[in-house]
Protein backbone atom coordinates (compact mmCIF):
# COMPACT_ATOMS: atom_id res chain seq x y z
CA MET A 1 2.37 24.87 11.87
CA ARG A 2 1.96 27.62 14.36
CA HIS A 3 0.91 31.29 13.53
CA GLU A 4 1.72 33.61 16.27
CA TYR A 5 -1.22 36.33 16.58
CA LYS A 6 0.56 39.77 16.74
CA PRO A 7 -2.41 42.59 18.15
CA SER A 8 -3.28 45.16 15.98
CA ARG A 9 -4.87 48.52 16.27
CA ASP A 10 -6.80 47.77 13.25
CA LEU A 11 -9.70 45.05 14.24
CA ASN A 12 -10.45 44.26 10.73
CA ALA A 13 -6.93 43.52 9.79
CA SER A 14 -6.86 41.36 13.17
CA LEU A 15 -9.88 39.20 12.11
CA VAL A 16 -8.27 38.70 8.50
CA TYR A 17 -5.25 37.45 10.14
CA LEU A 18 -6.45 35.00 12.39
CA ASN A 19 -8.95 33.64 9.57
CA THR A 20 -5.86 33.19 7.56
CA ALA A 21 -3.79 31.51 10.08
CA PHE A 22 -6.87 28.92 10.78
CA CYS A 23 -7.29 28.45 6.96
CA LEU A 24 -3.47 27.34 6.44
CA ASP A 25 -4.04 25.21 9.74
CA MET A 26 -7.09 23.19 8.31
CA ILE A 27 -4.82 22.90 4.79
CA CYS A 28 -1.88 21.54 6.43
CA LEU A 29 -4.05 19.10 9.16
CA GLN A 30 -5.89 17.96 5.66
CA ASN A 31 -2.52 17.05 4.27
CA VAL A 32 -1.45 14.91 7.22
CA PHE A 33 -4.30 12.48 7.23
CA PHE A 34 -4.98 9.90 4.40
CA ASP A 35 -7.08 11.21 1.84
CA ILE A 36 -9.09 12.60 4.71
CA ASN A 37 -12.03 14.03 1.70
CA ASN A 38 -12.43 10.24 0.90
CA ILE A 39 -12.79 9.31 4.43
CA PHE A 40 -14.87 11.66 5.92
CA MET A 41 -17.25 13.21 3.42
CA PRO A 42 -19.79 11.69 1.31
CA LEU A 43 -18.79 11.57 -2.37
CA SER A 44 -20.72 12.21 -5.51
CA LYS A 45 -21.36 9.61 -7.97
CA ASP A 46 -18.88 11.64 -10.54
CA GLN A 47 -16.40 11.95 -7.71
CA LYS A 48 -16.23 8.34 -7.24
CA GLN A 49 -16.00 7.70 -11.25
CA VAL A 50 -13.30 9.86 -11.14
CA LEU A 51 -11.56 8.15 -8.09
CA LEU A 52 -12.40 4.67 -9.68
CA ASP A 53 -10.76 5.99 -12.96
CA GLU A 54 -7.76 7.18 -11.17
CA LEU A 55 -7.60 3.63 -9.36
CA ILE A 56 -7.70 1.57 -12.37
CA GLU A 57 -4.87 3.26 -13.79
CA LYS A 58 -2.71 3.22 -11.10
CA MET A 59 -3.36 -0.61 -10.80
CA LYS A 60 -2.57 -1.05 -14.43
CA LYS A 61 0.79 0.74 -14.02
CA ALA A 62 1.84 -0.93 -10.56
CA GLU A 63 3.99 -4.05 -10.40
CA SER A 64 2.05 -5.01 -7.28
CA VAL A 65 -0.87 -3.69 -5.07
CA THR A 66 -0.78 -4.41 -0.89
CA PHE A 67 -3.67 -4.31 0.90
CA ALA A 68 -3.13 -3.94 4.77
CA ASN A 69 -5.24 -3.39 7.77
CA TYR A 70 -4.16 0.13 9.54
CA THR A 71 -6.77 0.13 12.45
CA SER A 72 -5.89 2.23 15.56
CA THR A 73 -2.53 3.35 14.03
CA THR A 74 -1.53 7.08 14.47
CA VAL A 75 -1.41 9.74 12.13
CA ALA A 76 2.34 9.96 12.86
CA GLU A 77 2.99 6.27 12.26
CA GLN A 78 0.70 6.59 8.77
CA SER A 79 2.87 9.50 7.67
CA LYS A 80 5.96 7.27 8.37
CA LEU A 81 4.86 4.50 5.97
CA ARG A 82 3.69 7.12 3.39
CA ARG A 83 7.29 8.34 3.08
CA ASP A 84 9.02 5.45 3.36
CA LEU A 85 6.92 4.13 0.49
CA ARG A 86 7.16 7.11 -1.43
CA ASP A 87 10.90 7.27 -1.17
CA ASN A 88 10.92 3.72 -3.22
CA ASN A 89 8.61 4.98 -6.04
CA ALA A 90 5.46 3.35 -4.42
CA GLU A 91 2.24 4.87 -2.88
CA LEU A 92 -0.11 4.69 0.00
CA GLN A 93 -3.69 5.13 -0.18
CA VAL A 94 -7.04 4.90 1.48
CA VAL A 95 -9.79 3.84 -0.73
CA LYS A 96 -13.08 2.66 -0.02
CA LYS A 97 -13.57 -1.25 -0.64
CA THR A 98 -16.08 -0.98 -3.29
CA ILE A 99 -13.76 1.18 -5.51
CA ILE A 100 -10.96 -1.42 -4.76
CA LYS A 101 -13.28 -4.27 -5.67
CA LEU A 102 -14.45 -2.55 -8.85
CA ALA A 103 -11.09 -1.13 -10.11
CA ALA A 104 -9.46 -4.85 -9.29
CA LYS A 105 -12.09 -6.35 -11.53
CA GLU A 106 -11.24 -3.74 -14.41
CA ILE A 107 -7.80 -5.07 -14.69
CA GLY A 108 -9.29 -8.81 -14.32
CA ILE A 109 -9.05 -9.68 -10.33
CA THR A 110 -12.65 -10.74 -9.32
CA ASP A 111 -11.58 -13.66 -6.92
CA ILE A 112 -10.23 -11.13 -3.61
CA ALA A 113 -11.00 -12.72 -0.58
CA GLU A 114 -13.27 -11.15 1.87
CA GLU A 115 -10.72 -11.49 4.42
CA SER A 116 -8.33 -9.36 2.84
CA LEU A 117 -10.39 -6.35 2.99
CA GLU A 118 -11.53 -6.68 6.43
CA GLY A 119 -11.32 -3.50 8.70
CA GLN A 120 -9.56 -0.42 7.88
CA ILE A 121 -7.78 -1.08 4.65
CA VAL A 122 -5.03 0.91 2.91
CA ILE A 123 -3.82 -0.11 0.11
CA ALA A 124 0.18 0.53 -1.34
CA LEU A 125 0.79 0.71 -4.95
CA SER A 126 4.14 -0.62 -5.87
CA TYR A 127 5.57 0.94 -9.56
CA ASP A 128 8.97 -0.41 -9.37
CA ASP A 129 10.12 -3.23 -6.91
CA PRO A 130 6.84 -5.63 -6.68
CA MET A 131 8.03 -6.50 -3.48
CA ILE A 132 8.62 -3.13 -2.09
CA GLY A 133 4.87 -2.04 -0.51
CA ALA A 134 4.67 -5.76 1.28
CA GLN A 135 8.06 -5.25 2.65
CA THR A 136 7.75 -1.67 3.85
CA ILE A 137 4.44 -2.61 5.78
CA LYS A 138 5.95 -5.55 7.03
CA LYS A 139 8.90 -3.59 8.26
CA HIS A 140 6.57 -1.18 10.15
CA SER A 141 4.57 -3.55 11.37
CA LYS A 142 7.57 -4.91 13.78
CA LYS A 143 7.42 -1.78 15.77
CA VAL A 144 3.56 -1.23 14.98
CA LYS A 145 1.49 -3.96 15.38
CA ASN A 146 -1.80 -2.52 14.14
CA PHE A 147 -0.31 -2.53 10.61
CA VAL A 148 -1.32 -5.96 8.99
CA LEU A 149 -0.46 -7.51 5.61
CA LYS A 150 -4.04 -8.81 4.53
CA GLY A 151 -3.76 -9.51 0.64
CA GLY A 152 -2.82 -8.16 -2.50
CA ILE A 153 -2.26 -8.36 -6.65
CA PHE A 154 0.29 -9.79 -8.42
CA GLU A 155 0.88 -10.93 -11.84
CA GLY A 156 -2.71 -10.82 -12.34
CA ARG A 157 -3.92 -13.12 -9.44
CA ALA A 158 -4.96 -11.95 -6.01
CA LEU A 159 -3.02 -12.77 -3.21
CA ASP A 160 -4.46 -13.87 0.40
CA GLY A 161 -3.21 -13.14 3.80
CA SER A 162 -0.74 -16.05 3.85
CA GLU A 163 0.41 -15.61 0.29
CA ILE A 164 1.26 -11.79 0.89
CA LYS A 165 3.31 -12.75 3.75
CA ALA A 166 5.08 -15.11 2.04
CA PHE A 167 6.06 -12.40 -0.65
CA ALA A 168 7.05 -9.87 1.87
CA ASP A 169 9.92 -12.43 2.88
CA LEU A 170 11.22 -12.63 -0.99
CA PRO A 171 14.58 -10.72 -1.73
CA SER A 172 14.26 -7.30 -2.62
CA LYS A 173 14.90 -6.16 -6.06
CA GLU A 174 18.42 -4.70 -4.97
CA VAL A 175 19.07 -7.97 -3.10
CA LEU A 176 18.81 -10.15 -6.42
CA LEU A 177 20.63 -7.69 -8.35
CA SER A 178 23.38 -7.89 -6.21
CA ARG A 179 23.19 -11.64 -6.25
CA LEU A 180 22.83 -11.35 -10.22
CA ILE A 181 26.38 -9.28 -10.04
CA GLY A 182 27.54 -12.06 -8.05
CA SER A 183 26.47 -15.19 -10.30
CA MET A 184 28.18 -13.17 -13.18
CA GLN A 185 31.40 -14.03 -11.49
CA SER A 186 30.42 -18.00 -11.93
CA PRO A 187 29.26 -20.07 -14.67
CA ILE A 188 25.91 -19.26 -15.98
CA SER A 189 24.39 -22.15 -13.93
CA GLY A 190 25.27 -19.65 -11.09
CA PHE A 191 22.41 -16.89 -12.22
CA VAL A 192 19.72 -19.86 -13.08
CA GLY A 193 20.27 -21.15 -9.62
CA VAL A 194 19.81 -17.63 -7.88
CA SER A 195 16.95 -16.72 -10.13
CA SER A 196 15.26 -20.45 -10.01
CA ALA A 197 15.55 -20.67 -6.24
CA VAL A 198 13.91 -17.20 -5.89
CA VAL A 199 11.03 -17.88 -8.27
CA GLY A 200 10.76 -21.75 -7.07
CA GLY A 201 10.62 -20.68 -3.32
CA PHE A 202 7.73 -18.41 -3.91
CA VAL A 203 5.76 -20.93 -5.87
CA ARG A 204 6.21 -23.82 -3.18
CA VAL A 205 4.81 -21.27 -0.65
CA VAL A 206 1.63 -20.44 -2.56
CA ASN A 207 1.34 -24.23 -3.87
CA ALA A 208 1.96 -25.83 -0.33
CA TYR A 209 -0.63 -23.15 0.97
CA GLN A 210 -3.58 -24.22 -1.87
CA GLU A 211 -2.77 -27.84 -1.09
CA GLN A 212 -3.06 -27.41 2.68
CA ARG A 213 -6.58 -25.37 2.07
CA LEU A 214 -7.76 -27.83 -0.22
CA GLU A 215 -7.06 -30.72 2.06
CA GLN A 216 -9.19 -28.65 4.97
CA GLU A 217 -11.84 -28.36 2.64
CA SER A 218 -12.30 -31.73 1.84
CA LYS A 219 -12.28 -32.91 5.51
């Protein structure tokens, strides 16, 4: 926001105008950055507790949580991602990693991999379509390589980097609904086939990855 300075014969009035314009610019700038107060200003114990309580409630409400690295992304790129998530009933937040771990522990998640929180982490909370957070970040990462999916939480379990990327490849709720409508034109086996294929696909990806990890660890 730009404020045009208009000279005044009253020096005090001019100073008041300039001071007001500066304050408005600072407010606008503050709204651009991800939770700028949480990043650059030290928080008191009470403030940290408030943030923790808020995140716990949001995690309980969310259908899924996605962790992503946003190191070296620009303010414009971050803002675009935030708007796209907001348009799909999802929310983007930058929260200290210690608060993320404490909030996850409160909802029963204690096995978040260290790799899932490496670097500068932003979290996407999806309140409607559980896939939208991971899918939106993946879409943005095609143009902005510094957006990297790192992990997440879904159905009471932690997902690592490979699992959240597989999760992002699942059909969106809109696609599933369209398939459901199509299957209603066919025998009931059509719907069963659609739903089983989606769920089964994700389960196979997760199981295959876990088996691969176990084989590597046993060597």
